[in-house]
Amino acid sequence: MDQYAMAVFRNLSPKNPVRILLEPHFEGLLNIDKLGDALILGGEGFLPAASVLTKEGVRTSLRAELSVLDHHWSPAADLLPKLPANHFGTAASAMWTLLSQYATHALQRQSTELSSYSGEIEDLSRELVARAVTTDPQRMAIGTPADLAHFCTYVLYHCTFYHSWGNGKQYED
């Protein structure tokens, strides 16, 4: 989420409705990830120390993984079949639907005000395309209100549900 947080902070003014929607979910993200980078990925980090990957190998693998991700993703394509013990799949689908409705409603409610920030949204889109590590950078563009709602849903999903499940909930399951 760092790439999205940095693009939002660089391109959207504090009063922009999209920034207001997303900013609370970025709280501490950059500082936590900077610390995590050193602890997990760095030269003395867990992955280079506990695997066959060197520091550069970890970064190459991370870049390859990120190259197939973009904000047009949704959990539906990656979910396991519905199995009795697959609590993640059920929860992920429900949260995606909920967050999609929330983001769409929030943006529609602010549509008049949001139109005065169209230049900032275009700047955000250009930065996402310019800095993309995906195989198709143009997929990072935000060209329509539906793209913007999907972008917000993607960010909210990963900053809330996906992060908390991956860092805590899986232990219960």
N, C-alpha and C. Protein backbone atom coordinates (compact mmCIF):
# COMPACT_ATOMS: atom_id res chain seq x y z
N MET A 1 0.81 -1.20 0.00
CA MET A 1 0.00 0.00 0.00
C MET A 1 0.85 1.27 0.00
N ASP A 2 2.15 1.12 0.22
CA ASP A 2 3.01 2.30 0.25
C ASP A 2 2.90 3.13 -1.02
N GLN A 3 2.92 2.46 -2.18
CA GLN A 3 2.89 3.21 -3.44
C GLN A 3 1.60 4.02 -3.55
N TYR A 4 0.51 3.50 -3.04
CA TYR A 4 -0.76 4.22 -3.10
C TYR A 4 -0.79 5.36 -2.09
N ALA A 5 -0.32 5.09 -0.88
CA ALA A 5 -0.29 6.14 0.14
C ALA A 5 0.57 7.31 -0.31
N MET A 6 1.75 7.02 -0.82
CA MET A 6 2.64 8.10 -1.25
C MET A 6 2.04 8.90 -2.40
N ALA A 7 1.40 8.22 -3.34
CA ALA A 7 0.76 8.92 -4.46
C ALA A 7 -0.40 9.78 -3.98
N VAL A 8 -1.17 9.28 -3.03
CA VAL A 8 -2.28 10.07 -2.47
C VAL A 8 -1.72 11.30 -1.75
N PHE A 9 -0.73 11.12 -0.90
CA PHE A 9 -0.17 12.25 -0.15
C PHE A 9 0.47 13.28 -1.08
N ARG A 10 1.11 12.84 -2.15
CA ARG A 10 1.78 13.77 -3.06
C ARG A 10 0.81 14.53 -3.95
N ASN A 11 -0.32 13.92 -4.30
CA ASN A 11 -1.17 14.50 -5.33
C ASN A 11 -2.52 15.03 -4.86
N LEU A 12 -3.00 14.58 -3.73
CA LEU A 12 -4.33 15.00 -3.28
C LEU A 12 -4.21 15.94 -2.09
N SER A 13 -4.84 17.09 -2.19
CA SER A 13 -4.79 18.08 -1.11
C SER A 13 -5.55 17.55 0.11
N PRO A 14 -5.26 18.09 1.29
CA PRO A 14 -5.91 17.60 2.51
C PRO A 14 -7.44 17.66 2.49
N LYS A 15 -8.02 18.53 1.69
CA LYS A 15 -9.48 18.64 1.64
C LYS A 15 -10.11 17.80 0.53
N ASN A 16 -9.30 17.11 -0.25
CA ASN A 16 -9.82 16.26 -1.32
C ASN A 16 -10.62 15.12 -0.69
N PRO A 17 -11.87 14.88 -1.14
CA PRO A 17 -12.70 13.82 -0.56
C PRO A 17 -12.08 12.42 -0.63
N VAL A 18 -11.29 12.15 -1.66
CA VAL A 18 -10.64 10.84 -1.76
C VAL A 18 -9.57 10.71 -0.68
N ARG A 19 -8.80 11.74 -0.48
CA ARG A 19 -7.78 11.70 0.57
C ARG A 19 -8.44 11.58 1.94
N ILE A 20 -9.53 12.32 2.15
CA ILE A 20 -10.25 12.24 3.43
C ILE A 20 -10.75 10.82 3.67
N LEU A 21 -11.21 10.14 2.63
CA LEU A 21 -11.69 8.77 2.74
C LEU A 21 -10.56 7.80 3.08
N LEU A 22 -9.42 7.96 2.44
CA LEU A 22 -8.33 6.98 2.56
C LEU A 22 -7.32 7.26 3.67
N GLU A 23 -7.06 8.52 3.95
CA GLU A 23 -5.97 8.87 4.85
C GLU A 23 -6.01 8.18 6.22
N PRO A 24 -7.17 8.06 6.86
CA PRO A 24 -7.15 7.38 8.17
C PRO A 24 -6.63 5.93 8.10
N HIS A 25 -6.76 5.31 6.95
CA HIS A 25 -6.33 3.92 6.80
C HIS A 25 -4.84 3.81 6.48
N PHE A 26 -4.22 4.94 6.18
CA PHE A 26 -2.77 4.97 5.94
C PHE A 26 -1.99 5.30 7.22
N GLU A 27 -2.70 5.54 8.32
CA GLU A 27 -2.03 5.97 9.55
C GLU A 27 -0.93 4.98 9.94
N GLY A 28 0.26 5.48 10.04
CA GLY A 28 1.40 4.68 10.45
C GLY A 28 1.95 3.75 9.38
N LEU A 29 1.28 3.64 8.25
CA LEU A 29 1.66 2.68 7.21
C LEU A 29 3.11 2.84 6.78
N LEU A 30 3.51 4.04 6.41
CA LEU A 30 4.85 4.24 5.87
C LEU A 30 5.92 3.97 6.93
N ASN A 31 5.68 4.41 8.17
CA ASN A 31 6.66 4.16 9.23
C ASN A 31 6.75 2.68 9.57
N ILE A 32 5.61 2.01 9.65
CA ILE A 32 5.60 0.59 9.95
C ILE A 32 6.29 -0.20 8.85
N ASP A 33 6.00 0.15 7.59
CA ASP A 33 6.60 -0.58 6.48
C ASP A 33 8.09 -0.31 6.36
N LYS A 34 8.53 0.89 6.71
CA LYS A 34 9.96 1.18 6.69
C LYS A 34 10.68 0.30 7.72
N LEU A 35 10.10 0.17 8.89
CA LEU A 35 10.68 -0.68 9.93
C LEU A 35 10.63 -2.15 9.48
N GLY A 36 9.47 -2.55 8.93
CA GLY A 36 9.31 -3.93 8.45
C GLY A 36 10.29 -4.27 7.35
N ASP A 37 10.56 -3.29 6.49
CA ASP A 37 11.52 -3.51 5.41
C ASP A 37 12.87 -3.92 5.98
N ALA A 38 13.31 -3.21 6.99
CA ALA A 38 14.61 -3.53 7.59
C ALA A 38 14.58 -4.88 8.31
N LEU A 39 13.49 -5.15 9.04
CA LEU A 39 13.42 -6.39 9.81
C LEU A 39 13.20 -7.63 8.95
N ILE A 40 12.47 -7.47 7.86
CA ILE A 40 12.10 -8.63 7.06
C ILE A 40 12.94 -8.76 5.80
N LEU A 41 13.12 -7.65 5.09
CA LEU A 41 13.75 -7.72 3.78
C LEU A 41 15.21 -7.30 3.75
N GLY A 42 15.63 -6.49 4.69
CA GLY A 42 16.97 -5.91 4.67
C GLY A 42 18.08 -6.95 4.68
N GLY A 43 19.31 -6.48 4.52
CA GLY A 43 20.48 -7.36 4.47
C GLY A 43 20.58 -8.28 5.66
N GLU A 44 20.19 -7.80 6.83
CA GLU A 44 20.18 -8.62 8.04
C GLU A 44 18.77 -9.06 8.39
N GLY A 45 17.83 -8.86 7.47
CA GLY A 45 16.43 -9.18 7.72
C GLY A 45 16.15 -10.67 7.73
N PHE A 46 14.93 -11.00 8.14
CA PHE A 46 14.53 -12.40 8.30
C PHE A 46 14.63 -13.19 6.99
N LEU A 47 14.13 -12.66 5.90
CA LEU A 47 14.13 -13.44 4.65
C LEU A 47 15.53 -13.75 4.13
N PRO A 48 16.44 -12.78 4.06
CA PRO A 48 17.79 -13.15 3.61
C PRO A 48 18.51 -14.08 4.60
N ALA A 49 18.18 -13.95 5.88
CA ALA A 49 18.86 -14.78 6.88
C ALA A 49 18.28 -16.20 6.95
N ALA A 50 16.99 -16.35 6.67
CA ALA A 50 16.33 -17.65 6.88
C ALA A 50 15.95 -18.35 5.58
N SER A 51 16.38 -17.82 4.45
CA SER A 51 16.05 -18.47 3.18
C SER A 51 17.28 -18.49 2.29
N VAL A 52 17.14 -19.05 1.11
CA VAL A 52 18.25 -19.10 0.17
C VAL A 52 18.41 -17.79 -0.60
N LEU A 53 17.47 -16.86 -0.41
CA LEU A 53 17.52 -15.59 -1.13
C LEU A 53 18.50 -14.61 -0.49
N THR A 54 19.22 -13.92 -1.33
CA THR A 54 20.06 -12.82 -0.86
C THR A 54 19.17 -11.59 -0.71
N LYS A 55 19.72 -10.51 -0.18
CA LYS A 55 18.97 -9.26 -0.08
C LYS A 55 18.47 -8.85 -1.46
N GLU A 56 19.33 -8.93 -2.47
CA GLU A 56 18.92 -8.57 -3.83
C GLU A 56 17.89 -9.56 -4.37
N GLY A 57 18.03 -10.82 -4.04
CA GLY A 57 17.06 -11.83 -4.46
C GLY A 57 15.69 -11.59 -3.87
N VAL A 58 15.65 -11.15 -2.62
CA VAL A 58 14.38 -10.80 -1.98
C VAL A 58 13.73 -9.64 -2.72
N ARG A 59 14.51 -8.62 -3.03
CA ARG A 59 13.97 -7.45 -3.74
C ARG A 59 13.50 -7.83 -5.15
N THR A 60 14.25 -8.69 -5.83
CA THR A 60 13.84 -9.13 -7.17
C THR A 60 12.53 -9.91 -7.09
N SER A 61 12.42 -10.80 -6.11
CA SER A 61 11.19 -11.57 -5.93
C SER A 61 10.01 -10.67 -5.58
N LEU A 62 10.25 -9.70 -4.73
CA LEU A 62 9.20 -8.76 -4.35
C LEU A 62 8.73 -7.95 -5.56
N ARG A 63 9.69 -7.49 -6.34
CA ARG A 63 9.34 -6.72 -7.55
C ARG A 63 8.54 -7.59 -8.52
N ALA A 64 8.93 -8.84 -8.69
CA ALA A 64 8.19 -9.75 -9.59
C ALA A 64 6.76 -9.96 -9.08
N GLU A 65 6.61 -10.11 -7.79
CA GLU A 65 5.27 -10.27 -7.21
C GLU A 65 4.42 -9.02 -7.41
N LEU A 66 5.02 -7.86 -7.15
CA LEU A 66 4.30 -6.60 -7.32
C LEU A 66 3.95 -6.32 -8.78
N SER A 67 4.73 -6.86 -9.69
CA SER A 67 4.49 -6.58 -11.11
C SER A 67 3.19 -7.18 -11.62
N VAL A 68 2.62 -8.12 -10.90
CA VAL A 68 1.35 -8.71 -11.34
C VAL A 68 0.16 -8.15 -10.56
N LEU A 69 0.41 -7.17 -9.71
CA LEU A 69 -0.66 -6.57 -8.91
C LEU A 69 -0.99 -5.17 -9.42
N ASP A 70 -2.25 -4.85 -9.40
CA ASP A 70 -2.68 -3.48 -9.63
C ASP A 70 -4.05 -3.30 -8.98
N HIS A 71 -4.51 -2.08 -8.90
CA HIS A 71 -5.74 -1.80 -8.16
C HIS A 71 -7.00 -2.25 -8.88
N HIS A 72 -6.88 -2.91 -10.02
CA HIS A 72 -8.07 -3.48 -10.67
C HIS A 72 -8.34 -4.90 -10.17
N TRP A 73 -7.47 -5.41 -9.32
CA TRP A 73 -7.63 -6.73 -8.71
C TRP A 73 -8.86 -6.73 -7.81
N SER A 74 -9.44 -7.90 -7.65
CA SER A 74 -10.45 -8.11 -6.62
C SER A 74 -10.25 -9.52 -6.08
N PRO A 75 -10.72 -9.80 -4.87
CA PRO A 75 -10.44 -11.11 -4.28
C PRO A 75 -11.14 -12.26 -4.98
N ALA A 76 -12.17 -12.00 -5.76
CA ALA A 76 -12.94 -13.09 -6.38
C ALA A 76 -12.07 -14.03 -7.20
N ALA A 77 -11.10 -13.51 -7.91
CA ALA A 77 -10.26 -14.33 -8.79
C ALA A 77 -9.27 -15.20 -8.01
N ASP A 78 -8.94 -14.78 -6.79
CA ASP A 78 -7.91 -15.49 -6.03
C ASP A 78 -8.43 -16.38 -4.92
N LEU A 79 -9.74 -16.41 -4.73
CA LEU A 79 -10.28 -17.16 -3.60
C LEU A 79 -10.32 -18.66 -3.88
N LEU A 80 -10.08 -19.41 -2.85
CA LEU A 80 -10.19 -20.87 -2.94
C LEU A 80 -11.66 -21.24 -3.07
N PRO A 81 -11.94 -22.44 -3.53
CA PRO A 81 -13.34 -22.86 -3.62
C PRO A 81 -13.99 -22.81 -2.24
N LYS A 82 -15.29 -22.70 -2.23
CA LYS A 82 -16.01 -22.66 -0.95
C LYS A 82 -15.89 -24.02 -0.27
N LEU A 83 -15.12 -24.04 0.77
CA LEU A 83 -14.92 -25.24 1.58
C LEU A 83 -15.38 -24.91 3.00
N PRO A 84 -15.81 -25.90 3.75
CA PRO A 84 -16.29 -25.61 5.10
C PRO A 84 -15.27 -24.86 5.97
N ALA A 85 -14.00 -25.15 5.80
CA ALA A 85 -12.98 -24.52 6.65
C ALA A 85 -12.38 -23.26 6.03
N ASN A 86 -12.86 -22.84 4.86
CA ASN A 86 -12.30 -21.66 4.20
C ASN A 86 -13.00 -20.40 4.69
N HIS A 87 -12.71 -20.01 5.91
CA HIS A 87 -13.31 -18.81 6.49
C HIS A 87 -12.81 -17.55 5.79
N PHE A 88 -11.57 -17.59 5.32
CA PHE A 88 -11.02 -16.41 4.66
C PHE A 88 -11.81 -16.06 3.41
N GLY A 89 -12.12 -17.04 2.58
CA GLY A 89 -12.83 -16.78 1.33
C GLY A 89 -14.18 -16.12 1.57
N THR A 90 -14.92 -16.62 2.53
CA THR A 90 -16.23 -16.06 2.84
C THR A 90 -16.08 -14.64 3.38
N ALA A 91 -15.15 -14.47 4.30
CA ALA A 91 -14.94 -13.14 4.90
C ALA A 91 -14.41 -12.15 3.86
N ALA A 92 -13.48 -12.59 3.01
CA ALA A 92 -12.91 -11.70 2.00
C ALA A 92 -13.98 -11.21 1.03
N SER A 93 -14.84 -12.11 0.57
CA SER A 93 -15.91 -11.72 -0.33
C SER A 93 -16.86 -10.73 0.32
N ALA A 94 -17.22 -11.01 1.56
CA ALA A 94 -18.14 -10.12 2.27
C ALA A 94 -17.52 -8.75 2.49
N MET A 95 -16.26 -8.71 2.88
CA MET A 95 -15.60 -7.42 3.12
C MET A 95 -15.42 -6.64 1.83
N TRP A 96 -15.06 -7.32 0.74
CA TRP A 96 -14.90 -6.63 -0.54
C TRP A 96 -16.23 -5.98 -0.94
N THR A 97 -17.31 -6.73 -0.82
CA THR A 97 -18.63 -6.20 -1.18
C THR A 97 -18.98 -5.01 -0.30
N LEU A 98 -18.78 -5.14 0.99
CA LEU A 98 -19.09 -4.06 1.93
C LEU A 98 -18.25 -2.81 1.62
N LEU A 99 -16.95 -2.98 1.44
CA LEU A 99 -16.07 -1.84 1.18
C LEU A 99 -16.34 -1.22 -0.18
N SER A 100 -16.71 -2.03 -1.16
CA SER A 100 -17.06 -1.50 -2.47
C SER A 100 -18.30 -0.61 -2.38
N GLN A 101 -19.30 -1.09 -1.67
CA GLN A 101 -20.51 -0.29 -1.48
C GLN A 101 -20.21 0.99 -0.70
N TYR A 102 -19.38 0.87 0.33
CA TYR A 102 -19.01 2.03 1.14
C TYR A 102 -18.27 3.07 0.31
N ALA A 103 -17.26 2.65 -0.44
CA ALA A 103 -16.47 3.58 -1.25
C ALA A 103 -17.33 4.23 -2.32
N THR A 104 -18.13 3.44 -3.00
CA THR A 104 -19.00 3.97 -4.06
C THR A 104 -19.97 4.99 -3.48
N HIS A 105 -20.58 4.66 -2.37
CA HIS A 105 -21.54 5.58 -1.73
C HIS A 105 -20.84 6.86 -1.27
N ALA A 106 -19.68 6.73 -0.65
CA ALA A 106 -18.94 7.90 -0.17
C ALA A 106 -18.56 8.83 -1.31
N LEU A 107 -18.12 8.27 -2.42
CA LEU A 107 -17.73 9.09 -3.57
C LEU A 107 -18.95 9.70 -4.26
N GLN A 108 -20.04 8.96 -4.34
CA GLN A 108 -21.26 9.52 -4.94
C GLN A 108 -21.81 10.67 -4.09
N ARG A 109 -21.74 10.52 -2.77
CA ARG A 109 -22.21 11.56 -1.85
C ARG A 109 -21.38 12.85 -2.00
N GLN A 110 -20.12 12.70 -2.40
CA GLN A 110 -19.22 13.84 -2.55
C GLN A 110 -18.99 14.21 -4.01
N SER A 111 -19.81 13.72 -4.92
CA SER A 111 -19.53 13.88 -6.36
C SER A 111 -19.43 15.33 -6.80
N THR A 112 -20.27 16.19 -6.25
CA THR A 112 -20.21 17.60 -6.65
C THR A 112 -18.88 18.21 -6.20
N GLU A 113 -18.54 18.00 -4.94
CA GLU A 113 -17.27 18.53 -4.42
C GLU A 113 -16.08 17.86 -5.11
N LEU A 114 -16.20 16.58 -5.38
CA LEU A 114 -15.11 15.82 -6.00
C LEU A 114 -14.78 16.34 -7.38
N SER A 115 -15.76 16.84 -8.10
CA SER A 115 -15.51 17.34 -9.46
C SER A 115 -14.53 18.52 -9.46
N SER A 116 -14.49 19.28 -8.37
CA SER A 116 -13.54 20.40 -8.32
C SER A 116 -12.10 19.92 -8.07
N TYR A 117 -11.94 18.64 -7.79
CA TYR A 117 -10.60 18.06 -7.56
C TYR A 117 -10.18 17.15 -8.70
N SER A 118 -10.82 17.28 -9.85
CA SER A 118 -10.52 16.37 -10.97
C SER A 118 -9.06 16.45 -11.40
N GLY A 119 -8.46 17.64 -11.35
CA GLY A 119 -7.05 17.78 -11.71
C GLY A 119 -6.15 16.97 -10.78
N GLU A 120 -6.47 16.96 -9.50
CA GLU A 120 -5.68 16.19 -8.54
C GLU A 120 -5.82 14.69 -8.80
N ILE A 121 -7.03 14.25 -9.15
CA ILE A 121 -7.25 12.83 -9.45
C ILE A 121 -6.47 12.45 -10.70
N GLU A 122 -6.44 13.34 -11.69
CA GLU A 122 -5.65 13.08 -12.90
C GLU A 122 -4.17 13.00 -12.56
N ASP A 123 -3.69 13.88 -11.67
CA ASP A 123 -2.28 13.82 -11.25
C ASP A 123 -1.99 12.51 -10.53
N LEU A 124 -2.90 12.07 -9.66
CA LEU A 124 -2.75 10.80 -8.97
C LEU A 124 -2.66 9.66 -9.98
N SER A 125 -3.54 9.67 -10.96
CA SER A 125 -3.54 8.64 -11.99
C SER A 125 -2.22 8.63 -12.76
N ARG A 126 -1.76 9.81 -13.16
CA ARG A 126 -0.49 9.88 -13.91
C ARG A 126 0.67 9.33 -13.08
N GLU A 127 0.69 9.64 -11.79
CA GLU A 127 1.78 9.13 -10.95
C GLU A 127 1.70 7.61 -10.82
N LEU A 128 0.50 7.09 -10.63
CA LEU A 128 0.36 5.63 -10.52
C LEU A 128 0.87 4.94 -11.78
N VAL A 129 0.57 5.50 -12.94
CA VAL A 129 1.03 4.93 -14.21
C VAL A 129 2.55 5.07 -14.33
N ALA A 130 3.07 6.25 -14.02
CA ALA A 130 4.50 6.51 -14.18
C ALA A 130 5.37 5.66 -13.26
N ARG A 131 4.88 5.37 -12.08
CA ARG A 131 5.69 4.63 -11.10
C ARG A 131 5.32 3.15 -11.01
N ALA A 132 4.44 2.69 -11.88
CA ALA A 132 3.97 1.31 -11.82
C ALA A 132 5.10 0.32 -12.07
N VAL A 133 5.05 -0.78 -11.34
CA VAL A 133 5.97 -1.88 -11.61
C VAL A 133 5.21 -3.03 -12.26
N THR A 134 3.95 -2.80 -12.60
CA THR A 134 3.14 -3.83 -13.24
C THR A 134 3.61 -4.06 -14.67
N THR A 135 3.19 -5.17 -15.23
CA THR A 135 3.56 -5.49 -16.61
C THR A 135 2.82 -4.59 -17.59
N ASP A 136 1.70 -4.00 -17.16
CA ASP A 136 0.92 -3.09 -18.00
C ASP A 136 0.62 -1.82 -17.21
N PRO A 137 1.54 -0.85 -17.18
CA PRO A 137 1.36 0.36 -16.36
C PRO A 137 0.04 1.10 -16.62
N GLN A 138 -0.47 1.05 -17.84
CA GLN A 138 -1.71 1.78 -18.14
C GLN A 138 -2.89 1.26 -17.33
N ARG A 139 -2.81 0.02 -16.84
CA ARG A 139 -3.89 -0.51 -15.98
C ARG A 139 -3.99 0.27 -14.68
N MET A 140 -2.96 0.99 -14.33
CA MET A 140 -2.98 1.76 -13.08
C MET A 140 -3.75 3.07 -13.22
N ALA A 141 -4.11 3.44 -14.44
CA ALA A 141 -4.81 4.71 -14.67
C ALA A 141 -6.19 4.70 -14.02
N ILE A 142 -6.57 5.87 -13.54
CA ILE A 142 -7.92 6.09 -13.00
C ILE A 142 -8.61 7.02 -13.98
N GLY A 143 -9.46 6.46 -14.83
CA GLY A 143 -10.07 7.24 -15.90
C GLY A 143 -11.54 7.52 -15.73
N THR A 144 -12.22 6.75 -14.88
CA THR A 144 -13.66 6.90 -14.72
C THR A 144 -14.01 6.93 -13.24
N PRO A 145 -15.23 7.37 -12.91
CA PRO A 145 -15.66 7.28 -11.51
C PRO A 145 -15.65 5.84 -10.99
N ALA A 146 -15.96 4.88 -11.85
CA ALA A 146 -15.91 3.48 -11.43
C ALA A 146 -14.48 3.06 -11.11
N ASP A 147 -13.50 3.52 -11.91
CA ASP A 147 -12.08 3.24 -11.62
C ASP A 147 -11.70 3.81 -10.25
N LEU A 148 -12.15 5.03 -9.98
CA LEU A 148 -11.82 5.68 -8.71
C LEU A 148 -12.43 4.92 -7.54
N ALA A 149 -13.68 4.48 -7.69
CA ALA A 149 -14.33 3.71 -6.63
C ALA A 149 -13.61 2.38 -6.41
N HIS A 150 -13.20 1.74 -7.51
CA HIS A 150 -12.48 0.46 -7.38
C HIS A 150 -11.11 0.67 -6.73
N PHE A 151 -10.43 1.74 -7.11
CA PHE A 151 -9.15 2.09 -6.48
C PHE A 151 -9.33 2.26 -4.97
N CYS A 152 -10.33 3.01 -4.56
CA CYS A 152 -10.58 3.23 -3.13
C CYS A 152 -10.93 1.92 -2.43
N THR A 153 -11.73 1.09 -3.07
CA THR A 153 -12.09 -0.21 -2.49
C THR A 153 -10.84 -1.06 -2.29
N TYR A 154 -9.98 -1.10 -3.29
CA TYR A 154 -8.75 -1.87 -3.23
C TYR A 154 -7.88 -1.41 -2.06
N VAL A 155 -7.70 -0.12 -1.94
CA VAL A 155 -6.88 0.43 -0.85
C VAL A 155 -7.50 0.12 0.50
N LEU A 156 -8.80 0.37 0.65
CA LEU A 156 -9.47 0.11 1.92
C LEU A 156 -9.40 -1.37 2.29
N TYR A 157 -9.62 -2.25 1.33
CA TYR A 157 -9.59 -3.69 1.56
C TYR A 157 -8.22 -4.13 2.08
N HIS A 158 -7.16 -3.67 1.40
CA HIS A 158 -5.82 -4.10 1.80
C HIS A 158 -5.35 -3.46 3.10
N CYS A 159 -5.72 -2.21 3.33
CA CYS A 159 -5.29 -1.53 4.56
C CYS A 159 -6.07 -1.98 5.79
N THR A 160 -7.23 -2.57 5.60
CA THR A 160 -8.04 -2.98 6.75
C THR A 160 -8.11 -4.50 6.81
N PHE A 161 -9.03 -5.08 6.11
CA PHE A 161 -9.30 -6.51 6.22
C PHE A 161 -8.09 -7.38 5.90
N TYR A 162 -7.51 -7.23 4.72
CA TYR A 162 -6.45 -8.14 4.29
C TYR A 162 -5.24 -8.05 5.23
N HIS A 163 -4.88 -6.86 5.62
CA HIS A 163 -3.74 -6.69 6.53
C HIS A 163 -4.02 -7.30 7.89
N SER A 164 -5.20 -7.04 8.43
CA SER A 164 -5.48 -7.56 9.77
C SER A 164 -5.65 -9.08 9.75
N TRP A 165 -6.22 -9.63 8.68
CA TRP A 165 -6.36 -11.08 8.60
C TRP A 165 -4.98 -11.73 8.51
N GLY A 166 -4.15 -11.21 7.66
CA GLY A 166 -2.83 -11.79 7.46
C GLY A 166 -1.91 -11.64 8.65
N ASN A 167 -2.19 -10.67 9.50
CA ASN A 167 -1.31 -10.43 10.65
C ASN A 167 -1.94 -10.79 11.98
N GLY A 168 -3.03 -11.50 11.97
CA GLY A 168 -3.62 -11.87 13.26
C GLY A 168 -4.71 -12.90 13.17
N LYS A 169 -5.66 -12.71 12.30
CA LYS A 169 -6.83 -13.57 12.24
C LYS A 169 -6.49 -15.01 11.88
N GLN A 170 -5.48 -15.23 11.05
CA GLN A 170 -5.17 -16.58 10.59
C GLN A 170 -4.82 -17.51 11.77
N TYR A 171 -4.34 -16.94 12.88
CA TYR A 171 -3.98 -17.78 14.02
C TYR A 171 -5.22 -18.46 14.63
N GLU A 172 -6.35 -17.75 14.62
CA GLU A 172 -7.58 -18.34 15.13
C GLU A 172 -8.04 -19.49 14.24
N ASP A 173 -7.83 -19.35 12.94
CA ASP A 173 -8.28 -20.40 12.00
C ASP A 173 -7.29 -21.55 11.95
